[in-house]
Each structure stands twice: as structure tokens, then as C-alpha cells.
Amino acid sequence: MVLENLGRSLHSALKKITRSAHIDEEAIKSLAKDIQQALLQADVNVQLVMDLTKRIEERALKEKVPSGVPRKEHLIRIVYEELSDFLGESAEISLEEEKPKVMLLVGLQGSGKTTSTAKLASYFQKRGYMVGMVCADTYRPGAYEQLKQLGDQIGVPVFGDPDGGDAVRLSAKGVEVLKEEDPDLILIDTAGRHRQEKALMEEVERIAQRINPDEVVLTVDATLGQQAKPQASAFQEATDIGSIFITKLDGTAKGGGALSAVAATGAPIKFIGTGEKLDEIEKFAPERFVSRLLGMGDIETLIEKIKETSKSTKAKPEDMKAIMTGKLTLRNVYEQLEQFSSIGPLKKILQMIPGVGMSIPDDQIEIGKEKLELYKVIMDSMTEEELDSPKIIKSSRIKRIAKGSATSESEVKELLEQYERMRKIIKSFTRGRLPKTGDLGKLLKQMPKGY
């Protein structure tokens, strides 16, 4: 998970509050201390942490609790609001006005800029927009070939020169050529640079002056932690940064530092990279992000992912709803496990469901590709009745299925155990365990037909 340790620490801090018999000054101060510790461990700046927890403590002690709202819920709401504000405001990239929009991507060497360019291209293409990419990186060997390969992978045209050349001229020429295809969006990938490399920073300025982009996107490596702030500030001085794309946010202890440091510059974070694959990109919404960190889920993002994936597959809305409400059969599992895998790993999906993700041990929800293939082979040896009614699969049937699939009885039992575990886990949160911040049942009913 993105910032998994931070999420678990924050979730644990709130759990203490929900289990407390009485919320007094001591409990509030203890919560503030736990939040401080969690954020400091995530490499967030000390002063920023102290200021944040001071605001939480002051509000919790001084604010009047609204009528009819339990004090525990009010305190959790304060934490949620303050953390959301701490990470900046939501900001949109709109392509609905005059086209094409031109976006210039800049950033440090190794910040994941080329992959981020392709991720953005894929993100907008999946939403029905026509996209083109320009390689203006004339310094890194193989830069054009890498972007071209990514472009071919997602079906997006790429303009560039394998032999390099003048980056300013290439940028202008690329925009001119791609405009002939009448795109909605043109993305320009530039060479990585360091804030102390004056010549390269000046080149960014010249490119921006020449093509006059609608938006300059700064890619920032999350592993930089608090050092992200001086880098972001240096690029702001060179050109007008319109938005920030935080990359490599998965699996880094410094991610909290990078997010908070960049947010402190005032430039809006619009996208985050949550993995290496091209579809592992999310529009950054502080409220949703914090909701997931606190274990409150992120149903909106999950529904968006389901909609997006369903457009490119023959997914059945009723089957997806059955899985999400725990009413699934092995036939559903067979048909939909791959559908889920295209949305993302099961672990990431469950973390978007209120009250579920943080409470499940990792080893209980990780299903790798090899396991998925093994399970499919086993299910191919089952009868129609067994797929629809897994409860009838007892000892004699397990032996027959194992023999027919050339697997072991223990592997068949493992599949059945995984199925039962998934069914119970997903069903459990529909039995009144959802926080008031999000009623999954209502949200599912609101999902448009045929999404």
C-alpha cells in the first residue's frame, strides 16, 4: 500500500479513541502524540507535524461538539479534516476547453518522468481523449526508444528524434506535427535535470517560452522525502509550475515527507504514482487519500476504477456488485478474479473498502498471478453445480477435482479456503460495520447501470 506504515499507525491511533470509554483531555493529548509519532516516522517535517497536531488538539478541546454527534466521531472528523488540509487542496486538469492542451513534464533525473508521461497519456486516453507524446529528452541515451515503446504499448503516437538534437526545436516541432492529428492533449517529456544545473534549468525556461504550455507538470520522486521541497521550489523559480506528480509513492517510508513538503510549496499535487505499471496512477484528492490512510476506505476511487476497467472488458455490473457484497460463487471468482487484477491487486482494492483493508493481514489477501492460474485450472475441473454451490464440495469431490486438475488435494482445499475467506471478509463490512462516512450499500445502488 501507499504509505502503508503511516496508514497503520494512524489507524491504530484512531482505534484507541474508538475503544476509549471516555474522551477527556488526556485521551486527546495521547491521540495528538500518536499522530505526531506516526508522521515523524513517515519523514514529515518536525515543525509541520507540531503545527498540525497543535491545531488538532486545540480544535478537539475547544470546539463545541455538534448536537447528536458522539464526541469520538467529532474527534475523528477533526483529524480527517486537518490531515486533508495539511496535504493541500484538490485540483483538476480539464481538457474540455479549447484543444489541444499542451502539458510540459519536468523533473529531476531518475524521478520517473518518462513513465509518468506515459501514465498520464494512458490515464486520459482511457477517459476518451486523444493523446500524443513528444520526446524532448536529447541527453539520456535511449530516451526516445523508451517513450516510443511505452507509446506503442498503449497506442499513443510519439514524436521525437532517436539521434537527439535541440530540445527546444524538437518540442516545438512535435507540438506542430501532433496538432495535425487533432488531439485533445499533447504531453512533452523533457530531460531530467538538477536544480544546480543552470544550463538545463535555462533550457526548461526556453522550452516553456517557445511552446507556451497550458500546464507545466513537475514530477517529484517520493523517496526524496523532505528534500522534495527545495527541488520543487527551484523548478518553480525556473518556470510556472501548474501541478505536481508524486512518483514512486508505493513502498517508501519517506512518502509522507515528500507529500507534505511539496504541498507546503503551494503547488497542487494532481497525480500520484502508486506502482510501476502504467495504470498505477491516481488523481490525487487529499480527502480520499487521508480517508484511506485512516482505514475509512475510498469507495469513490474504487468505483472509478471499476467503471474504467469495465469499459475495456465485458464485465457484468451485477457480478461486480455480488463480489463487493460478499454474495459470490466460485463461478463469480473464476470470471472476476482477472477483472479485479486489472483494477489492481486485491490488497489495494480491499484498502479502499471502509473498515476492511487495515484489519486484514497481508498474507490473507495476496493472490499472485501463479496462484490465480492454479485456481483457474482447479475450477476447470469442477462441475457447474460445484461452481455455483461451493458448499457441496466435500472430501470425495476434492479428490476427484484434484485428480482431474493434476493438482493436490491440499491445493484444492487452499482454493476453497481462499474463496471462503474472501466471501466472509467482503461480506462482513456490509453488516453494519461501515463508518458513517460512507455507506457502501447505498453507493453500490447509485452506480449507473451498464458502467
Protein backbone atom coordinates (compact mmCIF):
# COMPACT_ATOMS: atom_id res chain seq x y z
CA MET A 1 0.00 0.00 0.00
CA VAL A 2 0.99 3.61 -0.48
CA LEU A 3 2.43 4.76 2.87
CA GLU A 4 1.27 1.52 4.49
CA ASN A 5 3.17 2.02 7.76
CA LEU A 6 1.82 5.53 8.17
CA GLY A 7 -1.70 4.31 7.47
CA ARG A 8 -1.47 1.52 10.01
CA SER A 9 -0.06 3.88 12.66
CA LEU A 10 -2.80 6.47 12.12
CA HIS A 11 -5.48 3.78 12.04
CA SER A 12 -4.13 2.35 15.30
CA ALA A 13 -4.22 5.81 16.92
CA LEU A 14 -7.87 6.29 15.99
CA LYS A 15 -8.71 2.78 17.15
CA LYS A 16 -7.61 3.76 20.68
CA ILE A 17 -10.08 6.63 20.58
CA THR A 18 -12.99 4.50 19.36
CA ARG A 19 -12.31 2.00 22.15
CA SER A 20 -11.97 4.63 24.87
CA ALA A 21 -14.78 4.71 27.40
CA HIS A 22 -14.41 8.48 27.88
CA ILE A 23 -12.84 11.21 25.74
CA ASP A 24 -11.08 13.63 28.06
CA GLU A 25 -8.10 15.97 27.74
CA GLU A 26 -5.67 13.15 28.46
CA ALA A 27 -7.13 10.98 25.65
CA ILE A 28 -6.92 13.90 23.20
CA LYS A 29 -3.30 14.66 24.10
CA SER A 30 -2.47 10.96 23.75
CA LEU A 31 -4.02 10.93 20.27
CA ALA A 32 -2.03 14.00 19.26
CA LYS A 33 1.15 12.34 20.46
CA ASP A 34 0.38 9.15 18.50
CA ILE A 35 -0.25 11.19 15.34
CA GLN A 36 3.00 13.08 15.88
CA GLN A 37 4.93 9.84 16.13
CA ALA A 38 3.28 8.36 13.03
CA LEU A 39 4.01 11.43 10.89
CA LEU A 40 7.58 11.81 12.11
CA GLN A 41 8.26 8.18 11.24
CA ALA A 42 6.94 8.95 7.75
CA ASP A 43 9.64 11.66 7.44
CA VAL A 44 7.29 14.63 7.72
CA ASN A 45 8.97 17.87 8.79
CA VAL A 46 9.04 18.29 12.57
CA GLN A 47 7.66 21.83 12.60
CA LEU A 48 4.84 20.91 10.22
CA VAL A 49 3.94 17.97 12.46
CA MET A 50 3.93 20.11 15.61
CA ASP A 51 1.74 22.76 13.95
CA LEU A 52 -0.70 20.15 12.67
CA THR A 53 -1.11 18.28 15.95
CA LYS A 54 -1.45 21.57 17.84
CA ARG A 55 -4.40 22.51 15.60
CA ILE A 56 -5.98 19.07 16.13
CA GLU A 57 -5.55 19.35 19.90
CA GLU A 58 -6.92 22.91 20.08
CA ARG A 59 -9.97 22.10 17.97
CA ALA A 60 -10.67 18.92 19.93
CA LEU A 61 -10.53 20.76 23.26
CA LYS A 62 -12.29 23.99 22.29
CA GLU A 63 -14.81 23.18 19.54
CA LYS A 64 -18.37 22.58 20.56
CA VAL A 65 -19.49 19.09 19.58
CA PRO A 66 -22.50 19.29 17.21
CA SER A 67 -25.80 18.14 18.65
CA GLY A 68 -26.44 14.44 18.14
CA VAL A 69 -22.83 13.66 17.20
CA PRO A 70 -20.78 11.45 19.57
CA ARG A 71 -17.59 13.15 20.71
CA LYS A 72 -15.50 10.26 19.34
CA GLU A 73 -16.86 10.78 15.85
CA HIS A 74 -16.32 14.52 16.11
CA LEU A 75 -12.69 13.97 17.10
CA ILE A 76 -12.10 11.60 14.20
CA ARG A 77 -13.67 14.16 11.86
CA ILE A 78 -11.26 16.82 13.13
CA VAL A 79 -8.25 14.54 12.45
CA TYR A 80 -9.59 13.76 8.98
CA GLU A 81 -10.17 17.43 8.11
CA GLU A 82 -6.83 18.66 9.43
CA LEU A 83 -4.84 15.94 7.64
CA SER A 84 -6.72 16.66 4.41
CA ASP A 85 -5.98 20.39 4.66
CA PHE A 86 -2.38 19.54 5.51
CA LEU A 87 -1.93 17.85 2.12
CA GLY A 88 -3.31 20.75 0.09
CA GLU A 89 -6.44 21.18 -1.98
CA SER A 90 -7.86 19.07 -4.78
CA ALA A 91 -7.11 20.40 -8.25
CA GLU A 92 -8.36 19.31 -11.65
CA ILE A 93 -6.80 19.11 -15.11
CA SER A 94 -9.58 19.97 -17.54
CA LEU A 95 -9.41 19.09 -21.22
CA GLU A 96 -12.91 20.29 -22.03
CA GLU A 97 -11.95 23.75 -23.24
CA GLU A 98 -10.09 24.73 -26.41
CA LYS A 99 -7.83 21.92 -27.62
CA PRO A 100 -5.21 20.70 -27.77
CA LYS A 101 -3.96 21.20 -24.25
CA VAL A 102 -0.16 21.07 -24.04
CA MET A 103 1.45 19.77 -20.86
CA LEU A 104 5.20 20.02 -20.27
CA LEU A 105 6.71 17.48 -17.83
CA VAL A 106 9.86 18.48 -15.97
CA GLY A 107 11.77 16.95 -13.08
CA LEU A 108 14.99 15.56 -11.70
CA GLN A 109 16.96 12.75 -13.27
CA GLY A 110 15.52 9.43 -12.17
CA SER A 111 12.24 10.90 -10.95
CA GLY A 112 10.22 8.61 -13.23
CA LYS A 113 9.30 11.37 -15.64
CA THR A 114 9.14 9.30 -18.84
CA THR A 115 6.98 6.64 -17.23
CA SER A 116 4.80 9.37 -15.71
CA THR A 117 4.34 10.90 -19.17
CA ALA A 118 3.08 7.54 -20.45
CA LYS A 119 0.91 7.06 -17.34
CA LEU A 120 -0.79 10.40 -17.94
CA ALA A 121 -1.27 9.53 -21.62
CA SER A 122 -2.89 6.23 -20.65
CA TYR A 123 -5.00 7.89 -17.93
CA PHE A 124 -6.55 10.44 -20.29
CA GLN A 125 -6.81 8.03 -23.21
CA LYS A 126 -8.92 5.67 -21.09
CA ARG A 127 -11.26 8.57 -20.46
CA GLY A 128 -11.90 9.02 -24.16
CA TYR A 129 -9.34 11.68 -25.02
CA MET A 130 -6.95 11.56 -27.97
CA VAL A 131 -3.37 11.97 -26.76
CA GLY A 132 0.08 12.43 -28.31
CA MET A 133 3.55 12.45 -26.73
CA VAL A 134 6.76 14.30 -27.59
CA CYS A 135 10.24 13.17 -26.52
CA ALA A 136 12.33 16.28 -25.87
CA ASP A 137 14.96 14.46 -23.84
CA THR A 138 18.07 14.77 -26.01
CA TYR A 139 20.58 13.82 -23.31
CA ARG A 140 19.68 10.38 -21.99
CA PRO A 141 20.63 7.51 -24.34
CA GLY A 142 17.56 5.55 -25.42
CA ALA A 143 15.11 8.17 -24.13
CA TYR A 144 13.16 8.29 -27.41
CA GLU A 145 13.14 4.48 -27.73
CA GLN A 146 11.77 4.13 -24.19
CA LEU A 147 8.93 6.62 -24.74
CA LYS A 148 8.17 5.12 -28.16
CA GLN A 149 7.95 1.65 -26.65
CA LEU A 150 5.56 2.89 -23.95
CA GLY A 151 3.54 4.75 -26.57
CA ASP A 152 3.20 1.62 -28.70
CA GLN A 153 2.12 -0.30 -25.60
CA ILE A 154 -0.87 1.99 -25.01
CA GLY A 155 -1.49 3.02 -28.63
CA VAL A 156 -0.40 6.66 -28.32
CA PRO A 157 1.69 8.34 -31.08
CA VAL A 158 5.16 9.62 -30.14
CA PHE A 159 7.17 12.33 -31.90
CA GLY A 160 10.92 12.52 -31.40
CA ASP A 161 14.35 12.07 -32.93
CA PRO A 162 16.41 8.97 -32.00
CA ASP A 163 19.55 10.95 -32.80
CA GLY A 164 18.72 13.74 -30.36
CA GLY A 165 19.16 17.35 -31.38
CA ASP A 166 17.92 20.63 -30.00
CA ALA A 167 15.30 20.08 -27.27
CA VAL A 168 13.59 23.43 -27.83
CA ARG A 169 13.26 22.83 -31.56
CA LEU A 170 12.05 19.24 -31.02
CA SER A 171 9.39 20.38 -28.57
CA ALA A 172 8.03 23.00 -30.95
CA LYS A 173 8.16 20.66 -33.95
CA GLY A 174 6.50 17.86 -32.01
CA VAL A 175 3.58 20.06 -30.99
CA GLU A 176 3.22 21.27 -34.58
CA VAL A 177 3.22 17.74 -36.06
CA LEU A 178 0.90 16.21 -33.47
CA LYS A 179 -1.61 19.05 -33.81
CA GLU A 180 -2.31 17.76 -37.32
CA GLU A 181 -3.88 14.67 -35.68
CA ASP A 182 -6.33 16.93 -33.82
CA PRO A 183 -5.50 15.58 -30.31
CA ASP A 184 -7.07 16.70 -27.06
CA LEU A 185 -3.77 16.56 -25.20
CA ILE A 186 -0.06 16.72 -26.07
CA LEU A 187 2.45 15.63 -23.40
CA ILE A 188 6.11 16.66 -23.66
CA ASP A 189 8.75 14.62 -21.84
CA THR A 190 11.92 16.63 -21.13
CA ALA A 191 15.39 15.68 -19.93
CA GLY A 192 15.93 15.13 -16.21
CA ARG A 193 17.90 17.87 -14.54
CA HIS A 194 19.19 19.04 -11.16
CA ARG A 195 18.32 22.35 -9.56
CA GLN A 196 22.03 23.28 -9.57
CA GLU A 197 22.48 22.60 -13.31
CA LYS A 198 21.96 26.12 -14.56
CA ALA A 199 22.14 25.34 -18.29
CA LEU A 200 19.48 22.62 -18.09
CA MET A 201 17.19 24.77 -15.95
CA GLU A 202 17.53 27.54 -18.51
CA GLU A 203 16.61 25.03 -21.23
CA VAL A 204 13.33 24.35 -19.41
CA GLU A 205 12.64 28.08 -19.44
CA ARG A 206 13.34 28.29 -23.19
CA ILE A 207 11.09 25.32 -23.98
CA ALA A 208 8.28 26.83 -21.93
CA GLN A 209 8.70 30.20 -23.62
CA ARG A 210 8.73 28.61 -27.09
CA ILE A 211 5.70 26.32 -26.81
CA ASN A 212 3.75 28.24 -24.14
CA PRO A 213 2.31 25.11 -22.47
CA ASP A 214 -1.09 25.17 -20.83
CA GLU A 215 0.43 23.48 -17.82
CA VAL A 216 3.88 22.57 -16.52
CA VAL A 217 3.85 19.33 -14.51
CA LEU A 218 6.71 18.71 -12.08
CA THR A 219 7.45 15.06 -11.33
CA VAL A 220 8.82 14.52 -7.83
CA ASP A 221 10.30 11.26 -6.55
CA ALA A 222 8.64 10.36 -3.23
CA THR A 223 11.86 8.79 -1.96
CA LEU A 224 13.33 12.30 -1.68
CA GLY A 225 11.26 12.88 1.43
CA GLN A 226 11.63 16.41 2.82
CA GLN A 227 14.26 17.20 0.15
CA ALA A 228 11.39 17.38 -2.33
CA LYS A 229 10.62 20.92 -1.18
CA PRO A 230 13.87 22.68 -2.27
CA GLN A 231 13.75 20.81 -5.57
CA ALA A 232 10.14 21.85 -6.20
CA SER A 233 10.95 25.44 -5.22
CA ALA A 234 13.90 25.55 -7.64
CA PHE A 235 11.71 24.45 -10.55
CA GLN A 236 9.08 26.99 -9.54
CA GLU A 237 11.71 29.71 -9.96
CA ALA A 238 12.61 28.45 -13.44
CA THR A 239 9.07 28.13 -14.78
CA ASP A 240 5.49 28.44 -13.61
CA ILE A 241 4.69 25.01 -12.13
CA GLY A 242 0.99 24.28 -12.61
CA SER A 243 0.83 20.90 -10.90
CA ILE A 244 2.90 18.16 -9.30
CA PHE A 245 3.02 14.43 -9.95
CA ILE A 246 4.44 12.47 -6.99
CA THR A 247 6.06 9.27 -8.28
CA LYS A 248 7.19 6.07 -6.52
CA LEU A 249 4.83 6.66 -3.61
CA ASP A 250 4.42 2.93 -3.06
CA GLY A 251 6.81 1.27 -0.66
CA THR A 252 8.74 4.30 0.62
CA ALA A 253 8.97 5.42 4.22
CA LYS A 254 9.69 8.96 3.05
CA GLY A 255 6.45 9.39 1.12
CA GLY A 256 4.79 11.39 3.88
CA GLY A 257 7.71 13.79 3.87
CA ALA A 258 7.52 14.26 0.10
CA LEU A 259 3.76 14.81 0.09
CA SER A 260 3.80 17.33 2.92
CA ALA A 261 6.94 19.12 1.69
CA VAL A 262 5.59 19.58 -1.81
CA ALA A 263 2.18 20.63 -0.52
CA ALA A 264 3.96 23.31 1.51
CA THR A 265 5.21 24.93 -1.73
CA GLY A 266 1.62 25.77 -2.65
CA ALA A 267 1.74 23.94 -5.99
CA PRO A 268 -1.17 21.49 -6.19
CA ILE A 269 -0.46 17.75 -6.28
CA LYS A 270 -2.73 16.45 -9.03
CA PHE A 271 -1.48 12.90 -9.55
CA ILE A 272 0.38 10.20 -7.64
CA GLY A 273 2.13 7.08 -8.91
CA THR A 274 1.13 4.02 -6.89
CA GLY A 275 3.25 1.38 -8.65
CA GLU A 276 5.40 0.64 -11.68
CA LYS A 277 2.64 -0.32 -14.14
CA LEU A 278 1.18 2.29 -16.48
CA ASP A 279 -2.27 2.00 -14.94
CA GLU A 280 -0.94 2.54 -11.40
CA ILE A 281 -1.73 6.23 -11.34
CA GLU A 282 -4.34 8.07 -9.30
CA LYS A 283 -5.78 11.53 -9.37
CA PHE A 284 -4.75 12.99 -6.03
CA ALA A 285 -7.63 14.04 -3.82
CA PRO A 286 -6.41 14.79 -0.25
CA GLU A 287 -9.74 13.85 1.32
CA ARG A 288 -9.83 10.44 -0.37
CA PHE A 289 -6.16 9.82 0.31
CA VAL A 290 -6.50 10.61 4.02
CA SER A 291 -9.67 8.54 4.24
CA ARG A 292 -7.72 5.52 3.00
CA LEU A 293 -4.82 6.23 5.37
CA LEU A 294 -7.19 6.32 8.34
CA GLY A 295 -8.77 2.99 7.36
CA MET A 296 -12.04 4.69 6.38
CA GLY A 297 -11.81 3.43 2.80
CA ASP A 298 -12.02 5.19 -0.53
CA ILE A 299 -15.14 3.95 -2.28
CA GLU A 300 -15.17 6.79 -4.83
CA THR A 301 -11.76 5.83 -6.25
CA LEU A 302 -12.71 2.15 -6.24
CA ILE A 303 -15.91 2.84 -8.19
CA GLU A 304 -13.97 4.97 -10.66
CA LYS A 305 -11.51 2.11 -11.20
CA ILE A 306 -14.35 -0.36 -11.69
CA LYS A 307 -16.02 1.93 -14.23
CA GLU A 308 -12.75 2.49 -16.06
CA THR A 309 -11.87 -1.21 -16.22
CA SER A 310 -15.40 -2.24 -17.16
CA LYS A 311 -15.28 -0.03 -20.25
CA SER A 312 -12.45 -2.08 -21.70
CA THR A 313 -13.80 -5.52 -20.73
CA LYS A 314 -17.06 -7.45 -20.80
CA ALA A 315 -17.54 -7.09 -17.09
CA LYS A 316 -21.04 -7.58 -15.72
CA PRO A 317 -22.09 -4.94 -13.18
CA GLU A 318 -24.25 -7.46 -11.30
CA ASP A 319 -21.27 -9.79 -10.86
CA MET A 320 -19.03 -6.99 -9.60
CA LYS A 321 -21.70 -5.93 -7.14
CA ALA A 322 -22.08 -9.55 -5.99
CA ILE A 323 -18.36 -9.77 -5.25
CA MET A 324 -18.32 -6.47 -3.39
CA THR A 325 -21.26 -7.52 -1.19
CA GLY A 326 -19.94 -11.00 -0.42
CA LYS A 327 -22.62 -12.82 -2.45
CA LEU A 328 -20.22 -14.61 -4.73
CA THR A 329 -19.86 -18.14 -6.04
CA LEU A 330 -16.77 -19.88 -7.36
CA ARG A 331 -18.13 -19.12 -10.84
CA ASN A 332 -18.00 -15.41 -9.95
CA VAL A 333 -14.48 -15.88 -8.65
CA TYR A 334 -13.40 -17.57 -11.86
CA GLU A 335 -14.94 -14.87 -14.06
CA GLN A 336 -13.99 -11.89 -11.96
CA LEU A 337 -10.59 -12.52 -10.33
CA GLU A 338 -8.90 -11.44 -13.52
CA GLN A 339 -11.24 -8.45 -13.70
CA PHE A 340 -10.14 -7.46 -10.20
CA SER A 341 -6.50 -7.96 -11.13
CA SER A 342 -6.88 -5.38 -13.89
CA ILE A 343 -8.26 -2.91 -11.37
CA GLY A 344 -5.31 -3.65 -9.10
CA PRO A 345 -4.07 -6.16 -6.52
CA LEU A 346 -6.77 -7.44 -4.18
CA LYS A 347 -4.86 -5.87 -1.29
CA LYS A 348 -5.19 -2.39 -2.81
CA ILE A 349 -8.86 -2.95 -3.62
CA LEU A 350 -9.76 -4.01 -0.07
CA GLN A 351 -7.93 -0.99 1.34
CA MET A 352 -10.46 1.19 -0.48
CA ILE A 353 -13.34 -0.50 1.33
CA PRO A 354 -14.28 1.15 4.65
CA GLY A 355 -13.24 -0.81 7.72
CA VAL A 356 -11.64 -3.67 5.78
CA GLY A 357 -8.17 -3.02 4.39
CA MET A 358 -6.32 -2.10 7.56
CA SER A 359 -7.71 -5.04 9.53
CA ILE A 360 -6.62 -7.85 7.21
CA PRO A 361 -3.15 -9.44 7.48
CA ASP A 362 -1.18 -9.18 4.26
CA ASP A 363 -0.78 -12.93 3.89
CA GLN A 364 -4.54 -13.36 3.82
CA ILE A 365 -5.20 -11.17 0.78
CA GLU A 366 -2.24 -11.59 -1.52
CA ILE A 367 -3.08 -13.71 -4.54
CA GLY A 368 -0.28 -13.82 -7.07
CA LYS A 369 -0.56 -14.50 -10.78
CA GLU A 370 0.71 -18.05 -10.40
CA LYS A 371 -1.91 -18.80 -7.77
CA LEU A 372 -4.57 -17.26 -9.97
CA GLU A 373 -3.66 -19.57 -12.85
CA LEU A 374 -3.56 -22.58 -10.50
CA TYR A 375 -7.01 -21.73 -9.14
CA LYS A 376 -8.39 -21.43 -12.66
CA VAL A 377 -7.03 -24.88 -13.56
CA ILE A 378 -8.68 -26.33 -10.45
CA MET A 379 -12.01 -24.65 -11.21
CA ASP A 380 -11.88 -26.00 -14.76
CA SER A 381 -12.20 -29.46 -13.20
CA MET A 382 -15.31 -28.57 -11.24
CA THR A 383 -18.88 -29.24 -12.32
CA GLU A 384 -21.40 -26.48 -12.97
CA GLU A 385 -23.13 -27.36 -9.71
CA GLU A 386 -19.87 -27.10 -7.75
CA LEU A 387 -19.04 -23.72 -9.23
CA ASP A 388 -22.47 -22.41 -8.25
CA SER A 389 -22.62 -24.11 -4.84
CA PRO A 390 -19.10 -24.47 -3.37
CA LYS A 391 -20.51 -25.76 -0.05
CA ILE A 392 -21.25 -29.14 -1.62
CA ILE A 393 -17.53 -29.76 -2.27
CA LYS A 394 -16.59 -32.33 0.37
CA SER A 395 -13.83 -34.95 0.63
CA SER A 396 -14.79 -37.20 -2.31
CA ARG A 397 -15.31 -34.24 -4.64
CA ILE A 398 -12.00 -32.71 -3.56
CA LYS A 399 -10.21 -35.94 -4.50
CA ARG A 400 -11.90 -36.01 -7.93
CA ILE A 401 -11.16 -32.32 -8.61
CA ALA A 402 -7.50 -32.71 -7.59
CA LYS A 403 -7.08 -35.73 -9.85
CA GLY A 404 -8.82 -34.06 -12.78
CA SER A 405 -6.73 -30.88 -12.50
CA ALA A 406 -3.43 -32.67 -11.80
CA THR A 407 -3.10 -30.78 -8.52
CA SER A 408 -3.01 -31.86 -4.89
CA GLU A 409 -5.94 -32.12 -2.52
CA SER A 410 -4.29 -29.51 -0.32
CA GLU A 411 -4.26 -27.05 -3.25
CA VAL A 412 -7.96 -27.63 -3.88
CA LYS A 413 -8.63 -27.05 -0.18
CA GLU A 414 -6.49 -23.91 -0.31
CA LEU A 415 -8.67 -22.52 -3.13
CA LEU A 416 -11.82 -23.27 -1.15
CA GLU A 417 -10.33 -21.65 1.96
CA GLN A 418 -9.32 -18.55 -0.02
CA TYR A 419 -12.78 -18.35 -1.52
CA GLU A 420 -14.48 -18.66 1.86
CA ARG A 421 -12.10 -16.13 3.40
CA MET A 422 -12.76 -13.62 0.62
CA ARG A 423 -16.50 -14.14 0.89
CA LYS A 424 -16.53 -13.61 4.65
CA ILE A 425 -14.17 -10.64 4.61
CA ILE A 426 -16.08 -8.77 1.94
CA LYS A 427 -19.46 -9.69 3.39
CA SER A 428 -18.51 -8.62 6.91
CA PHE A 429 -18.42 -4.92 6.12
CA THR A 430 -21.99 -4.99 4.79
CA ARG A 431 -23.31 -5.99 8.20
CA GLY A 432 -23.35 -2.63 9.88
CA ARG A 433 -19.60 -2.21 10.20
CA LEU A 434 -19.26 0.71 7.82
CA PRO A 435 -18.35 4.08 9.34
CA LYS A 436 -20.89 6.82 8.82
CA THR A 437 -18.51 8.48 6.39
CA GLY A 438 -19.53 6.06 3.67
CA ASP A 439 -22.38 3.60 3.21
CA LEU A 440 -21.14 1.06 0.65
CA GLY A 441 -24.60 -0.41 0.05
CA LYS A 442 -26.02 2.98 -0.95
CA LEU A 443 -23.03 3.76 -3.11
CA LEU A 444 -23.36 0.47 -4.96
CA LYS A 445 -27.02 1.16 -5.68
CA GLN A 446 -26.08 4.57 -7.05
CA MET A 447 -23.63 3.10 -9.56
CA PRO A 448 -25.03 3.71 -13.05
CA LYS A 449 -26.35 0.72 -14.98
CA GLY A 450 -24.00 -0.63 -17.58
CA TYR A 451 -20.94 1.10 -16.19
